[in-house]
Each structure stands twice: as structure tokens, then as C-alpha cells.
């Protein structure tokens, strides 16, 4: 009876080890699919500042845009999306870019 227990334990341990090794190889072989979003910060800032008339207005618009971009990036990260600045992207499909509406800052 004792040899049967030892055989059962060894068989179980060997099966667990084989499963762990197979799982490790499968995890390495499977590509990780993580969504990526791109925010073209320079483009958004240039577009928004083009309509400003005074340095004070430009500063207020810049501050507002910075807050909006940070909020949007935070939302995307909470959804599991990696957020990149457009200046760091060599090439991406158009749908990867996130639109941030240039809204006027609160008075």
C-alpha cells in the first residue's frame, strides 16, 4: 500500500510539473494583445492655439488642454489601454489616434 501511495504522489507531481512547463511555453508563444491609443499632443496644441489672440488666452487654453488630455489618458488607462504621445509614434493607423475636442477653458 505504501508503494502505491508513493507512485501516486510521484505521478501527480510529474503531471503538475509537466503542466507548469507547458503553460510557461504557451504563455511565451502567445502574443500579448494590448490596445494602444495615440494622443497627438503637438497637433492638438497647435490647432487650439492658432485661434488664440492674446498670451493670456493661449496660456488658459494650454492649461485647459493639458487637463483634458490628462483626463482622457487616465480614462483610457483605466480601460487597460496603453497611451502614447504622437511624437513617439513612427506610424499608426488613423483609428489609433484619440480625438480630444478643443474646448474653451472655463472663465
Protein backbone atom coordinates (compact mmCIF):
# COMPACT_ATOMS: atom_id res chain seq x y z
CA UNK A 1 0.00 0.00 0.00
CA UNK A 2 2.88 2.33 0.78
CA UNK A 3 4.45 1.94 -2.69
CA UNK A 4 1.09 2.69 -4.33
CA UNK A 5 0.85 5.98 -2.40
CA UNK A 6 4.40 6.95 -3.35
CA UNK A 7 3.71 6.11 -7.00
CA UNK A 8 0.51 8.18 -6.95
CA UNK A 9 2.30 11.16 -5.38
CA UNK A 10 5.17 10.96 -7.86
CA UNK A 11 2.75 10.71 -10.77
CA UNK A 12 0.81 13.72 -9.51
CA UNK A 13 4.00 15.74 -9.03
CA UNK A 14 5.24 14.82 -12.53
CA UNK A 15 1.89 15.82 -14.07
CA UNK A 16 1.90 19.15 -12.21
CA UNK A 17 5.46 19.88 -13.33
CA UNK A 18 4.66 18.99 -16.94
CA UNK A 19 1.58 21.24 -16.84
CA UNK A 20 3.59 24.13 -15.45
CA UNK A 21 6.28 23.79 -18.10
CA UNK A 22 3.70 23.53 -20.89
CA UNK A 23 1.87 26.59 -19.53
CA UNK A 24 5.10 28.57 -19.44
CA UNK A 25 5.87 27.74 -23.06
CA UNK A 26 2.32 28.59 -24.12
CA UNK A 27 2.48 31.94 -22.35
CA UNK A 28 5.72 32.82 -24.14
CA UNK A 29 4.42 31.73 -27.51
CA UNK A 30 1.09 33.58 -27.32
CA UNK A 31 1.41 37.21 -28.38
CA UNK A 32 0.14 39.74 -25.87
CA UNK A 33 -2.66 41.82 -27.31
CA UNK A 34 -2.87 45.17 -25.54
CA UNK A 35 -4.82 48.05 -27.06
CA UNK A 36 -2.82 51.20 -27.77
CA UNK A 37 -4.09 54.75 -28.19
CA UNK A 38 -2.14 57.72 -29.53
CA UNK A 39 -2.69 61.33 -28.46
CA UNK A 40 -1.12 63.81 -30.88
CA UNK A 41 -0.33 66.41 -28.24
CA UNK A 42 1.63 68.73 -30.56
CA UNK A 43 -1.10 68.69 -33.21
CA UNK A 44 -3.88 69.36 -30.71
CA UNK A 45 -1.97 72.21 -29.06
CA UNK A 46 -1.04 73.85 -32.39
CA UNK A 47 -4.61 73.61 -33.66
CA UNK A 48 -6.05 75.05 -30.45
CA UNK A 49 -3.51 77.84 -30.02
CA UNK A 50 -3.96 79.02 -33.61
CA UNK A 51 -7.30 80.57 -32.61
CA UNK A 52 -5.98 82.44 -29.55
CA UNK A 53 -5.40 86.18 -29.71
CA UNK A 54 -3.53 87.03 -26.51
CA UNK A 55 -0.80 85.35 -24.47
CA UNK A 56 -3.20 85.09 -21.52
CA UNK A 57 -5.78 83.34 -23.67
CA UNK A 58 -3.10 80.99 -25.05
CA UNK A 59 -1.98 80.12 -21.52
CA UNK A 60 -5.56 79.41 -20.40
CA UNK A 61 -6.20 77.24 -23.47
CA UNK A 62 -2.92 75.37 -22.94
CA UNK A 63 -3.74 74.69 -19.30
CA UNK A 64 -7.25 73.52 -20.19
CA UNK A 65 -5.95 71.24 -22.96
CA UNK A 66 -3.36 69.75 -20.65
CA UNK A 67 -6.08 68.90 -18.12
CA UNK A 68 -8.36 67.43 -20.83
CA UNK A 69 -5.57 65.29 -22.29
CA UNK A 70 -4.60 64.00 -18.83
CA UNK A 71 -8.23 63.17 -18.03
CA UNK A 72 -8.66 61.31 -21.34
CA UNK A 73 -5.38 59.44 -20.90
CA UNK A 74 -6.43 58.42 -17.37
CA UNK A 75 -9.78 57.12 -18.69
CA UNK A 76 -8.02 55.05 -21.34
CA UNK A 77 -5.52 53.61 -18.85
CA UNK A 78 -8.38 52.56 -16.55
CA UNK A 79 -9.79 50.67 -19.56
CA UNK A 80 -6.46 48.85 -19.98
CA UNK A 81 -5.18 50.89 -22.92
CA UNK A 82 -1.56 51.95 -23.33
CA UNK A 83 -1.44 55.67 -24.20
CA UNK A 84 1.40 57.09 -26.29
CA UNK A 85 2.27 60.64 -27.33
CA UNK A 86 2.04 61.13 -31.10
CA UNK A 87 5.63 62.42 -31.19
CA UNK A 88 6.85 58.97 -30.08
CA UNK A 89 4.91 57.08 -32.77
CA UNK A 90 6.57 56.37 -36.11
CA UNK A 91 3.44 55.03 -37.78
CA UNK A 92 -0.05 54.05 -36.62
CA UNK A 93 -3.43 53.52 -38.22
CA UNK A 94 -5.75 56.52 -38.06
CA UNK A 95 -8.11 54.73 -35.67
CA UNK A 96 -5.34 54.52 -33.05
CA UNK A 97 -5.41 58.31 -32.62
CA UNK A 98 -7.62 59.74 -29.88
CA UNK A 99 -9.60 62.87 -30.66
CA UNK A 100 -9.71 65.49 -27.95
CA UNK A 101 -12.12 68.28 -28.76
CA UNK A 102 -10.50 71.70 -28.37
CA UNK A 103 -12.99 73.21 -25.94
CA UNK A 104 -12.75 76.65 -24.45
CA UNK A 105 -11.46 76.89 -20.89
CA UNK A 106 -13.88 77.88 -18.17
CA UNK A 107 -13.77 81.65 -17.50
